[in-house]
mmCIF file of all heavy atoms, coordinates in Angstrom:
data_MODEL
# 
_entry.id   MODEL 
# 
loop_
_atom_site.group_PDB 
_atom_site.id 
_atom_site.type_symbol 
_atom_site.label_atom_id 
_atom_site.label_alt_id 
_atom_site.label_comp_id 
_atom_site.label_asym_id 
_atom_site.label_entity_id 
_atom_site.label_seq_id 
_atom_site.pdbx_PDB_ins_code 
_atom_site.Cartn_x 
_atom_site.Cartn_y 
_atom_site.Cartn_z 
_atom_site.occupancy 
_atom_site.B_iso_or_equiv 
_atom_site.pdbx_formal_charge 
_atom_site.auth_seq_id 
_atom_site.auth_comp_id 
_atom_site.auth_asym_id 
_atom_site.auth_atom_id 
_atom_site.pdbx_PDB_model_num 
ATOM 1   N N   . CYS A 1 1  ? 110.390 107.787 93.739  1.00 0.00 ? 1  CYS A N   1 
ATOM 2   C CA  . CYS A 1 1  ? 110.392 109.118 94.346  1.00 0.00 ? 1  CYS A CA  1 
ATOM 3   C C   . CYS A 1 1  ? 111.490 109.179 95.399  1.00 0.00 ? 1  CYS A C   1 
ATOM 4   O O   . CYS A 1 1  ? 111.495 108.385 96.359  1.00 0.00 ? 1  CYS A O   1 
ATOM 5   C CB  . CYS A 1 1  ? 109.035 109.424 94.974  1.00 0.00 ? 1  CYS A CB  1 
ATOM 6   S SG  . CYS A 1 1  ? 108.915 111.104 95.639  1.00 0.00 ? 1  CYS A SG  1 
ATOM 7   N N   . GLU A 1 2  ? 112.440 110.078 95.230  1.00 0.00 ? 2  GLU A N   1 
ATOM 8   C CA  . GLU A 1 2  ? 113.546 110.253 96.167  1.00 0.00 ? 2  GLU A CA  1 
ATOM 9   C C   . GLU A 1 2  ? 113.319 111.522 96.983  1.00 0.00 ? 2  GLU A C   1 
ATOM 10  O O   . GLU A 1 2  ? 113.075 112.589 96.442  1.00 0.00 ? 2  GLU A O   1 
ATOM 11  C CB  . GLU A 1 2  ? 114.876 110.357 95.419  1.00 0.00 ? 2  GLU A CB  1 
ATOM 12  C CG  . GLU A 1 2  ? 115.267 109.087 94.679  1.00 0.00 ? 2  GLU A CG  1 
ATOM 13  C CD  . GLU A 1 2  ? 116.586 109.234 93.948  1.00 0.00 ? 2  GLU A CD  1 
ATOM 14  O OE1 . GLU A 1 2  ? 117.095 110.391 93.886  1.00 0.00 ? 2  GLU A OE1 1 
ATOM 15  O OE2 . GLU A 1 2  ? 117.106 108.228 93.444  1.00 0.00 ? 2  GLU A OE2 1 
ATOM 16  N N   . LEU A 1 3  ? 113.387 111.386 98.296  1.00 0.00 ? 3  LEU A N   1 
ATOM 17  C CA  . LEU A 1 3  ? 113.198 112.509 99.210  1.00 0.00 ? 3  LEU A CA  1 
ATOM 18  C C   . LEU A 1 3  ? 114.516 112.816 99.907  1.00 0.00 ? 3  LEU A C   1 
ATOM 19  O O   . LEU A 1 3  ? 115.111 111.937 100.533 1.00 0.00 ? 3  LEU A O   1 
ATOM 20  C CB  . LEU A 1 3  ? 112.113 112.184 100.238 1.00 0.00 ? 3  LEU A CB  1 
ATOM 21  C CG  . LEU A 1 3  ? 111.874 113.236 101.331 1.00 0.00 ? 3  LEU A CG  1 
ATOM 22  C CD1 . LEU A 1 3  ? 111.437 114.566 100.725 1.00 0.00 ? 3  LEU A CD1 1 
ATOM 23  C CD2 . LEU A 1 3  ? 110.827 112.734 102.330 1.00 0.00 ? 3  LEU A CD2 1 
ATOM 24  N N   . GLU A 1 4  ? 114.965 114.051 99.800  1.00 0.00 ? 4  GLU A N   1 
ATOM 25  C CA  . GLU A 1 4  ? 116.216 114.477 100.430 1.00 0.00 ? 4  GLU A CA  1 
ATOM 26  C C   . GLU A 1 4  ? 115.921 115.677 101.330 1.00 0.00 ? 4  GLU A C   1 
ATOM 27  O O   . GLU A 1 4  ? 115.728 116.792 100.863 1.00 0.00 ? 4  GLU A O   1 
ATOM 28  C CB  . GLU A 1 4  ? 117.234 114.857 99.349  1.00 0.00 ? 4  GLU A CB  1 
ATOM 29  C CG  . GLU A 1 4  ? 118.612 115.200 99.903  1.00 0.00 ? 4  GLU A CG  1 
ATOM 30  C CD  . GLU A 1 4  ? 119.591 115.534 98.801  1.00 0.00 ? 4  GLU A CD  1 
ATOM 31  O OE1 . GLU A 1 4  ? 119.650 114.781 97.813  1.00 0.00 ? 4  GLU A OE1 1 
ATOM 32  O OE2 . GLU A 1 4  ? 120.296 116.569 98.921  1.00 0.00 ? 4  GLU A OE2 1 
ATOM 33  N N   . ILE A 1 5  ? 115.888 115.420 102.642 1.00 0.00 ? 5  ILE A N   1 
ATOM 34  C CA  . ILE A 1 5  ? 115.573 116.467 103.613 1.00 0.00 ? 5  ILE A CA  1 
ATOM 35  C C   . ILE A 1 5  ? 116.205 116.102 104.943 1.00 0.00 ? 5  ILE A C   1 
ATOM 36  O O   . ILE A 1 5  ? 116.307 114.915 105.295 1.00 0.00 ? 5  ILE A O   1 
ATOM 37  C CB  . ILE A 1 5  ? 114.036 116.640 103.761 1.00 0.00 ? 5  ILE A CB  1 
ATOM 38  C CG1 . ILE A 1 5  ? 113.722 117.810 104.704 1.00 0.00 ? 5  ILE A CG1 1 
ATOM 39  C CG2 . ILE A 1 5  ? 113.364 115.362 104.199 1.00 0.00 ? 5  ILE A CG2 1 
ATOM 40  C CD1 . ILE A 1 5  ? 112.239 118.153 104.756 1.00 0.00 ? 5  ILE A CD1 1 
ATOM 41  N N   . GLU A 1 6  ? 116.648 117.099 105.686 1.00 0.00 ? 6  GLU A N   1 
ATOM 42  C CA  . GLU A 1 6  ? 117.251 116.844 106.995 1.00 0.00 ? 6  GLU A CA  1 
ATOM 43  C C   . GLU A 1 6  ? 116.187 116.328 107.967 1.00 0.00 ? 6  GLU A C   1 
ATOM 44  O O   . GLU A 1 6  ? 115.012 116.730 107.874 1.00 0.00 ? 6  GLU A O   1 
ATOM 45  C CB  . GLU A 1 6  ? 117.878 118.128 107.553 1.00 0.00 ? 6  GLU A CB  1 
ATOM 46  C CG  . GLU A 1 6  ? 119.052 118.647 106.735 1.00 0.00 ? 6  GLU A CG  1 
ATOM 47  C CD  . GLU A 1 6  ? 119.618 119.924 107.331 1.00 0.00 ? 6  GLU A CD  1 
ATOM 48  O OE1 . GLU A 1 6  ? 119.089 120.364 108.386 1.00 0.00 ? 6  GLU A OE1 1 
ATOM 49  O OE2 . GLU A 1 6  ? 120.564 120.477 106.755 1.00 0.00 ? 6  GLU A OE2 1 
ATOM 50  N N   . PRO A 1 7  ? 116.571 115.447 108.881 1.00 0.00 ? 7  PRO A N   1 
ATOM 51  C CA  . PRO A 1 7  ? 115.599 114.948 109.867 1.00 0.00 ? 7  PRO A CA  1 
ATOM 52  C C   . PRO A 1 7  ? 115.031 116.086 110.710 1.00 0.00 ? 7  PRO A C   1 
ATOM 53  O O   . PRO A 1 7  ? 115.728 117.047 111.053 1.00 0.00 ? 7  PRO A O   1 
ATOM 54  C CB  . PRO A 1 7  ? 116.442 113.978 110.725 1.00 0.00 ? 7  PRO A CB  1 
ATOM 55  C CG  . PRO A 1 7  ? 117.624 113.627 109.877 1.00 0.00 ? 7  PRO A CG  1 
ATOM 56  C CD  . PRO A 1 7  ? 117.906 114.838 109.052 1.00 0.00 ? 7  PRO A CD  1 
ATOM 57  N N   . ASP A 1 8  ? 113.753 115.968 111.015 1.00 0.00 ? 8  ASP A N   1 
ATOM 58  C CA  . ASP A 1 8  ? 113.053 116.926 111.885 1.00 0.00 ? 8  ASP A CA  1 
ATOM 59  C C   . ASP A 1 8  ? 113.262 118.376 111.449 1.00 0.00 ? 8  ASP A C   1 
ATOM 60  O O   . ASP A 1 8  ? 113.694 119.233 112.224 1.00 0.00 ? 8  ASP A O   1 
ATOM 61  C CB  . ASP A 1 8  ? 113.510 116.741 113.337 1.00 0.00 ? 8  ASP A CB  1 
ATOM 62  C CG  . ASP A 1 8  ? 113.099 115.382 113.897 1.00 0.00 ? 8  ASP A CG  1 
ATOM 63  O OD1 . ASP A 1 8  ? 112.039 114.875 113.472 1.00 0.00 ? 8  ASP A OD1 1 
ATOM 64  O OD2 . ASP A 1 8  ? 113.845 114.836 114.713 1.00 0.00 ? 8  ASP A OD2 1 
ATOM 65  N N   . THR A 1 9  ? 112.964 118.630 110.185 1.00 0.00 ? 9  THR A N   1 
ATOM 66  C CA  . THR A 1 9  ? 112.975 120.001 109.670 1.00 0.00 ? 9  THR A CA  1 
ATOM 67  C C   . THR A 1 9  ? 111.614 120.633 109.945 1.00 0.00 ? 9  THR A C   1 
ATOM 68  O O   . THR A 1 9  ? 110.593 120.146 109.474 1.00 0.00 ? 9  THR A O   1 
ATOM 69  C CB  . THR A 1 9  ? 113.262 120.025 108.159 1.00 0.00 ? 9  THR A CB  1 
ATOM 70  O OG1 . THR A 1 9  ? 114.563 119.470 107.926 1.00 0.00 ? 9  THR A OG1 1 
ATOM 71  C CG2 . THR A 1 9  ? 113.214 121.453 107.618 1.00 0.00 ? 9  THR A CG2 1 
ATOM 72  N N   . PHE A 1 10 ? 111.621 121.694 110.737 1.00 0.00 ? 10 PHE A N   1 
ATOM 73  C CA  . PHE A 1 10 ? 110.359 122.328 111.131 1.00 0.00 ? 10 PHE A CA  1 
ATOM 74  C C   . PHE A 1 10 ? 110.163 123.640 110.381 1.00 0.00 ? 10 PHE A C   1 
ATOM 75  O O   . PHE A 1 10 ? 111.125 124.345 110.054 1.00 0.00 ? 10 PHE A O   1 
ATOM 76  C CB  . PHE A 1 10 ? 110.334 122.603 112.639 1.00 0.00 ? 10 PHE A CB  1 
ATOM 77  C CG  . PHE A 1 10 ? 110.080 121.368 113.463 1.00 0.00 ? 10 PHE A CG  1 
ATOM 78  C CD1 . PHE A 1 10 ? 111.137 120.554 113.855 1.00 0.00 ? 10 PHE A CD1 1 
ATOM 79  C CD2 . PHE A 1 10 ? 108.789 121.028 113.837 1.00 0.00 ? 10 PHE A CD2 1 
ATOM 80  C CE1 . PHE A 1 10 ? 110.903 119.419 114.613 1.00 0.00 ? 10 PHE A CE1 1 
ATOM 81  C CE2 . PHE A 1 10 ? 108.554 119.896 114.598 1.00 0.00 ? 10 PHE A CE2 1 
ATOM 82  C CZ  . PHE A 1 10 ? 109.608 119.085 114.987 1.00 0.00 ? 10 PHE A CZ  1 
ATOM 83  N N   . VAL A 1 11 ? 108.906 123.964 110.104 1.00 0.00 ? 11 VAL A N   1 
ATOM 84  C CA  . VAL A 1 11 ? 108.546 125.231 109.473 1.00 0.00 ? 11 VAL A CA  1 
ATOM 85  C C   . VAL A 1 11 ? 107.182 125.655 110.025 1.00 0.00 ? 11 VAL A C   1 
ATOM 86  O O   . VAL A 1 11 ? 106.331 124.813 110.327 1.00 0.00 ? 11 VAL A O   1 
ATOM 87  C CB  . VAL A 1 11 ? 108.498 125.101 107.930 1.00 0.00 ? 11 VAL A CB  1 
ATOM 88  C CG1 . VAL A 1 11 ? 107.402 124.154 107.486 1.00 0.00 ? 11 VAL A CG1 1 
ATOM 89  C CG2 . VAL A 1 11 ? 108.312 126.467 107.280 1.00 0.00 ? 11 VAL A CG2 1 
ATOM 90  N N   . ARG A 1 12 ? 107.004 126.949 110.188 1.00 0.00 ? 12 ARG A N   1 
ATOM 91  C CA  . ARG A 1 12 ? 105.735 127.472 110.691 1.00 0.00 ? 12 ARG A CA  1 
ATOM 92  C C   . ARG A 1 12 ? 104.811 127.770 109.508 1.00 0.00 ? 12 ARG A C   1 
ATOM 93  O O   . ARG A 1 12 ? 105.125 128.611 108.665 1.00 0.00 ? 12 ARG A O   1 
ATOM 94  C CB  . ARG A 1 12 ? 105.964 128.746 111.519 1.00 0.00 ? 12 ARG A CB  1 
ATOM 95  C CG  . ARG A 1 12 ? 104.718 129.246 112.238 1.00 0.00 ? 12 ARG A CG  1 
ATOM 96  C CD  . ARG A 1 12 ? 105.063 130.397 113.183 1.00 0.00 ? 12 ARG A CD  1 
ATOM 97  N NE  . ARG A 1 12 ? 103.863 130.882 113.873 1.00 0.00 ? 12 ARG A NE  1 
ATOM 98  C CZ  . ARG A 1 12 ? 103.055 131.819 113.402 1.00 0.00 ? 12 ARG A CZ  1 
ATOM 99  N NH1 . ARG A 1 12 ? 103.320 132.367 112.229 1.00 0.00 ? 12 ARG A NH1 1 
ATOM 100 N NH2 . ARG A 1 12 ? 101.994 132.214 114.080 1.00 0.00 ? 12 ARG A NH2 1 
ATOM 101 N N   . CYS A 1 13 ? 103.678 127.063 109.443 1.00 0.00 ? 13 CYS A N   1 
ATOM 102 C CA  . CYS A 1 13 ? 102.782 127.204 108.299 1.00 0.00 ? 13 CYS A CA  1 
ATOM 103 C C   . CYS A 1 13 ? 101.407 126.645 108.664 1.00 0.00 ? 13 CYS A C   1 
ATOM 104 O O   . CYS A 1 13 ? 101.198 126.129 109.754 1.00 0.00 ? 13 CYS A O   1 
ATOM 105 C CB  . CYS A 1 13 ? 103.346 126.473 107.075 1.00 0.00 ? 13 CYS A CB  1 
ATOM 106 S SG  . CYS A 1 13 ? 103.476 124.677 107.324 1.00 0.00 ? 13 CYS A SG  1 
ATOM 107 N N   . ASP A 1 14 ? 100.482 126.765 107.724 1.00 0.00 ? 14 ASP A N   1 
ATOM 108 C CA  . ASP A 1 14 ? 99.185  126.100 107.830 1.00 0.00 ? 14 ASP A CA  1 
ATOM 109 C C   . ASP A 1 14 ? 99.366  124.719 107.227 1.00 0.00 ? 14 ASP A C   1 
ATOM 110 O O   . ASP A 1 14 ? 99.500  124.569 106.013 1.00 0.00 ? 14 ASP A O   1 
ATOM 111 C CB  . ASP A 1 14 ? 98.126  126.901 107.065 1.00 0.00 ? 14 ASP A CB  1 
ATOM 112 C CG  . ASP A 1 14 ? 96.728  126.329 107.219 1.00 0.00 ? 14 ASP A CG  1 
ATOM 113 O OD1 . ASP A 1 14 ? 96.580  125.092 107.130 1.00 0.00 ? 14 ASP A OD1 1 
ATOM 114 O OD2 . ASP A 1 14 ? 95.782  127.111 107.423 1.00 0.00 ? 14 ASP A OD2 1 
ATOM 115 N N   . VAL A 1 15 ? 99.378  123.689 108.060 1.00 0.00 ? 15 VAL A N   1 
ATOM 116 C CA  . VAL A 1 15 ? 99.757  122.355 107.611 1.00 0.00 ? 15 VAL A CA  1 
ATOM 117 C C   . VAL A 1 15 ? 98.826  121.828 106.523 1.00 0.00 ? 15 VAL A C   1 
ATOM 118 O O   . VAL A 1 15 ? 99.268  121.213 105.544 1.00 0.00 ? 15 VAL A O   1 
ATOM 119 C CB  . VAL A 1 15 ? 99.821  121.372 108.815 1.00 0.00 ? 15 VAL A CB  1 
ATOM 120 C CG1 . VAL A 1 15 ? 98.465  121.258 109.507 1.00 0.00 ? 15 VAL A CG1 1 
ATOM 121 C CG2 . VAL A 1 15 ? 100.304 119.989 108.363 1.00 0.00 ? 15 VAL A CG2 1 
ATOM 122 N N   . ASP A 1 16 ? 97.517  122.060 106.644 1.00 0.00 ? 16 ASP A N   1 
ATOM 123 C CA  . ASP A 1 16 ? 96.583  121.549 105.634 1.00 0.00 ? 16 ASP A CA  1 
ATOM 124 C C   . ASP A 1 16 ? 96.803  122.207 104.287 1.00 0.00 ? 16 ASP A C   1 
ATOM 125 O O   . ASP A 1 16 ? 96.773  121.558 103.241 1.00 0.00 ? 16 ASP A O   1 
ATOM 126 C CB  . ASP A 1 16 ? 95.139  121.767 106.100 1.00 0.00 ? 16 ASP A CB  1 
ATOM 127 C CG  . ASP A 1 16 ? 94.788  120.918 107.322 1.00 0.00 ? 16 ASP A CG  1 
ATOM 128 O OD1 . ASP A 1 16 ? 95.375  119.833 107.447 1.00 0.00 ? 16 ASP A OD1 1 
ATOM 129 O OD2 . ASP A 1 16 ? 93.945  121.346 108.124 1.00 0.00 ? 16 ASP A OD2 1 
ATOM 130 N N   . LYS A 1 17 ? 97.023  123.540 104.319 1.00 0.00 ? 17 LYS A N   1 
ATOM 131 C CA  . LYS A 1 17 ? 97.209  124.266 103.061 1.00 0.00 ? 17 LYS A CA  1 
ATOM 132 C C   . LYS A 1 17 ? 98.539  123.873 102.395 1.00 0.00 ? 17 LYS A C   1 
ATOM 133 O O   . LYS A 1 17 ? 98.589  123.657 101.182 1.00 0.00 ? 17 LYS A O   1 
ATOM 134 C CB  . LYS A 1 17 ? 97.184  125.781 103.316 1.00 0.00 ? 17 LYS A CB  1 
ATOM 135 C CG  . LYS A 1 17 ? 95.896  126.308 103.934 1.00 0.00 ? 17 LYS A CG  1 
ATOM 136 C CD  . LYS A 1 17 ? 94.718  126.173 103.016 1.00 0.00 ? 17 LYS A CD  1 
ATOM 137 C CE  . LYS A 1 17 ? 93.504  126.959 103.525 1.00 0.00 ? 17 LYS A CE  1 
ATOM 138 N NZ  . LYS A 1 17 ? 93.076  126.594 104.874 1.00 0.00 ? 17 LYS A NZ  1 
ATOM 139 N N   . ILE A 1 18 ? 99.613  123.800 103.191 1.00 0.00 ? 18 ILE A N   1 
ATOM 140 C CA  . ILE A 1 18 ? 100.913 123.446 102.615 1.00 0.00 ? 18 ILE A CA  1 
ATOM 141 C C   . ILE A 1 18 ? 100.903 122.004 102.109 1.00 0.00 ? 18 ILE A C   1 
ATOM 142 O O   . ILE A 1 18 ? 101.501 121.693 101.065 1.00 0.00 ? 18 ILE A O   1 
ATOM 143 C CB  . ILE A 1 18 ? 102.033 123.669 103.651 1.00 0.00 ? 18 ILE A CB  1 
ATOM 144 C CG1 . ILE A 1 18 ? 102.254 125.169 103.864 1.00 0.00 ? 18 ILE A CG1 1 
ATOM 145 C CG2 . ILE A 1 18 ? 103.327 123.012 103.203 1.00 0.00 ? 18 ILE A CG2 1 
ATOM 146 C CD1 . ILE A 1 18 ? 102.712 125.917 102.625 1.00 0.00 ? 18 ILE A CD1 1 
ATOM 147 N N   . GLN A 1 19 ? 100.218 121.133 102.826 1.00 0.00 ? 19 GLN A N   1 
ATOM 148 C CA  . GLN A 1 19 ? 100.106 119.750 102.349 1.00 0.00 ? 19 GLN A CA  1 
ATOM 149 C C   . GLN A 1 19 ? 99.394  119.709 101.000 1.00 0.00 ? 19 GLN A C   1 
ATOM 150 O O   . GLN A 1 19 ? 99.749  118.917 100.125 1.00 0.00 ? 19 GLN A O   1 
ATOM 151 C CB  . GLN A 1 19 ? 99.345  118.901 103.374 1.00 0.00 ? 19 GLN A CB  1 
ATOM 152 C CG  . GLN A 1 19 ? 99.274  117.422 102.996 1.00 0.00 ? 19 GLN A CG  1 
ATOM 153 C CD  . GLN A 1 19 ? 98.639  116.583 104.094 1.00 0.00 ? 19 GLN A CD  1 
ATOM 154 O OE1 . GLN A 1 19 ? 98.153  117.102 105.080 1.00 0.00 ? 19 GLN A OE1 1 
ATOM 155 N NE2 . GLN A 1 19 ? 98.652  115.269 103.907 1.00 0.00 ? 19 GLN A NE2 1 
ATOM 156 N N   . ARG A 1 20 ? 98.415  120.572 100.838 1.00 0.00 ? 20 ARG A N   1 
ATOM 157 C CA  . ARG A 1 20 ? 97.708  120.640 99.564  1.00 0.00 ? 20 ARG A CA  1 
ATOM 158 C C   . ARG A 1 20 ? 98.640  121.109 98.447  1.00 0.00 ? 20 ARG A C   1 
ATOM 159 O O   . ARG A 1 20 ? 98.573  120.620 97.320  1.00 0.00 ? 20 ARG A O   1 
ATOM 160 C CB  . ARG A 1 20 ? 96.516  121.585 99.687  1.00 0.00 ? 20 ARG A CB  1 
ATOM 161 C CG  . ARG A 1 20 ? 95.637  121.642 98.455  1.00 0.00 ? 20 ARG A CG  1 
ATOM 162 C CD  . ARG A 1 20 ? 94.434  122.515 98.697  1.00 0.00 ? 20 ARG A CD  1 
ATOM 163 N NE  . ARG A 1 20 ? 93.531  122.493 97.575  1.00 0.00 ? 20 ARG A NE  1 
ATOM 164 C CZ  . ARG A 1 20 ? 92.417  123.200 97.515  1.00 0.00 ? 20 ARG A CZ  1 
ATOM 165 N NH1 . ARG A 1 20 ? 92.088  123.982 98.532  1.00 0.00 ? 20 ARG A NH1 1 
ATOM 166 N NH2 . ARG A 1 20 ? 91.635  123.139 96.464  1.00 0.00 ? 20 ARG A NH2 1 
ATOM 167 N N   . VAL A 1 21 ? 99.512  122.077 98.765  1.00 0.00 ? 21 VAL A N   1 
ATOM 168 C CA  . VAL A 1 21 ? 100.484 122.549 97.765  1.00 0.00 ? 21 VAL A CA  1 
ATOM 169 C C   . VAL A 1 21 ? 101.379 121.400 97.307  1.00 0.00 ? 21 VAL A C   1 
ATOM 170 O O   . VAL A 1 21 ? 101.538 121.148 96.105  1.00 0.00 ? 21 VAL A O   1 
ATOM 171 C CB  . VAL A 1 21 ? 101.347 123.693 98.343  1.00 0.00 ? 21 VAL A CB  1 
ATOM 172 C CG1 . VAL A 1 21 ? 102.491 124.038 97.384  1.00 0.00 ? 21 VAL A CG1 1 
ATOM 173 C CG2 . VAL A 1 21 ? 100.502 124.922 98.607  1.00 0.00 ? 21 VAL A CG2 1 
ATOM 174 N N   . PHE A 1 22 ? 101.958 120.681 98.272  1.00 0.00 ? 22 PHE A N   1 
ATOM 175 C CA  . PHE A 1 22 ? 102.875 119.593 97.929  1.00 0.00 ? 22 PHE A CA  1 
ATOM 176 C C   . PHE A 1 22 ? 102.138 118.453 97.221  1.00 0.00 ? 22 PHE A C   1 
ATOM 177 O O   . PHE A 1 22 ? 102.683 117.803 96.331  1.00 0.00 ? 22 PHE A O   1 
ATOM 178 C CB  . PHE A 1 22 ? 103.576 119.082 99.184  1.00 0.00 ? 22 PHE A CB  1 
ATOM 179 C CG  . PHE A 1 22 ? 104.462 120.115 99.839  1.00 0.00 ? 22 PHE A CG  1 
ATOM 180 C CD1 . PHE A 1 22 ? 104.698 120.102 101.213 1.00 0.00 ? 22 PHE A CD1 1 
ATOM 181 C CD2 . PHE A 1 22 ? 105.055 121.114 99.083  1.00 0.00 ? 22 PHE A CD2 1 
ATOM 182 C CE1 . PHE A 1 22 ? 105.503 121.055 101.806 1.00 0.00 ? 22 PHE A CE1 1 
ATOM 183 C CE2 . PHE A 1 22 ? 105.866 122.067 99.664  1.00 0.00 ? 22 PHE A CE2 1 
ATOM 184 C CZ  . PHE A 1 22 ? 106.094 122.037 101.033 1.00 0.00 ? 22 PHE A CZ  1 
ATOM 185 N N   . ASP A 1 23 ? 100.901 118.201 97.627  1.00 0.00 ? 23 ASP A N   1 
ATOM 186 C CA  . ASP A 1 23 ? 100.090 117.175 96.965  1.00 0.00 ? 23 ASP A CA  1 
ATOM 187 C C   . ASP A 1 23 ? 99.881  117.539 95.499  1.00 0.00 ? 23 ASP A C   1 
ATOM 188 O O   . ASP A 1 23 ? 100.026 116.700 94.589  1.00 0.00 ? 23 ASP A O   1 
ATOM 189 C CB  . ASP A 1 23 ? 98.747  117.037 97.684  1.00 0.00 ? 23 ASP A CB  1 
ATOM 190 C CG  . ASP A 1 23 ? 97.890  115.913 97.104  1.00 0.00 ? 23 ASP A CG  1 
ATOM 191 O OD1 . ASP A 1 23 ? 97.255  116.155 96.059  1.00 0.00 ? 23 ASP A OD1 1 
ATOM 192 O OD2 . ASP A 1 23 ? 97.852  114.818 97.690  1.00 0.00 ? 23 ASP A OD2 1 
ATOM 193 N N   . ASN A 1 24 ? 99.549  118.818 95.231  1.00 0.00 ? 24 ASN A N   1 
ATOM 194 C CA  . ASN A 1 24 ? 99.344  119.261 93.848  1.00 0.00 ? 24 ASN A CA  1 
ATOM 195 C C   . ASN A 1 24 ? 100.625 119.139 93.030  1.00 0.00 ? 24 ASN A C   1 
ATOM 196 O O   . ASN A 1 24 ? 100.604 118.712 91.871  1.00 0.00 ? 24 ASN A O   1 
ATOM 197 C CB  . ASN A 1 24 ? 98.861  120.718 93.828  1.00 0.00 ? 24 ASN A CB  1 
ATOM 198 C CG  . ASN A 1 24 ? 97.405  120.854 94.231  1.00 0.00 ? 24 ASN A CG  1 
ATOM 199 O OD1 . ASN A 1 24 ? 96.640  119.894 94.177  1.00 0.00 ? 24 ASN A OD1 1 
ATOM 200 N ND2 . ASN A 1 24 ? 97.019  122.040 94.653  1.00 0.00 ? 24 ASN A ND2 1 
ATOM 201 N N   . LEU A 1 25 ? 101.758 119.520 93.635  1.00 0.00 ? 25 LEU A N   1 
ATOM 202 C CA  . LEU A 1 25 ? 103.028 119.477 92.902  1.00 0.00 ? 25 LEU A CA  1 
ATOM 203 C C   . LEU A 1 25 ? 103.455 118.044 92.606  1.00 0.00 ? 25 LEU A C   1 
ATOM 204 O O   . LEU A 1 25 ? 103.925 117.740 91.497  1.00 0.00 ? 25 LEU A O   1 
ATOM 205 C CB  . LEU A 1 25 ? 104.115 120.204 93.696  1.00 0.00 ? 25 LEU A CB  1 
ATOM 206 C CG  . LEU A 1 25 ? 103.935 121.723 93.846  1.00 0.00 ? 25 LEU A CG  1 
ATOM 207 C CD1 . LEU A 1 25 ? 105.057 122.311 94.686  1.00 0.00 ? 25 LEU A CD1 1 
ATOM 208 C CD2 . LEU A 1 25 ? 103.876 122.401 92.486  1.00 0.00 ? 25 LEU A CD2 1 
ATOM 209 N N   . LEU A 1 26 ? 103.299 117.151 93.583  1.00 0.00 ? 26 LEU A N   1 
ATOM 210 C CA  . LEU A 1 26 ? 103.692 115.755 93.362  1.00 0.00 ? 26 LEU A CA  1 
ATOM 211 C C   . LEU A 1 26 ? 102.742 115.075 92.374  1.00 0.00 ? 26 LEU A C   1 
ATOM 212 O O   . LEU A 1 26 ? 103.172 114.304 91.510  1.00 0.00 ? 26 LEU A O   1 
ATOM 213 C CB  . LEU A 1 26 ? 103.717 115.004 94.696  1.00 0.00 ? 26 LEU A CB  1 
ATOM 214 C CG  . LEU A 1 26 ? 104.274 113.566 94.646  1.00 0.00 ? 26 LEU A CG  1 
ATOM 215 C CD1 . LEU A 1 26 ? 105.640 113.533 93.964  1.00 0.00 ? 26 LEU A CD1 1 
ATOM 216 C CD2 . LEU A 1 26 ? 104.365 112.980 96.053  1.00 0.00 ? 26 LEU A CD2 1 
# 
């Protein structure tokens, strides 16, 4: 698994819900 993202990229969201989205996709 390769992750390409800038350091300390912030976004305003519901962390639990968005984590669930990424968990489902991965």
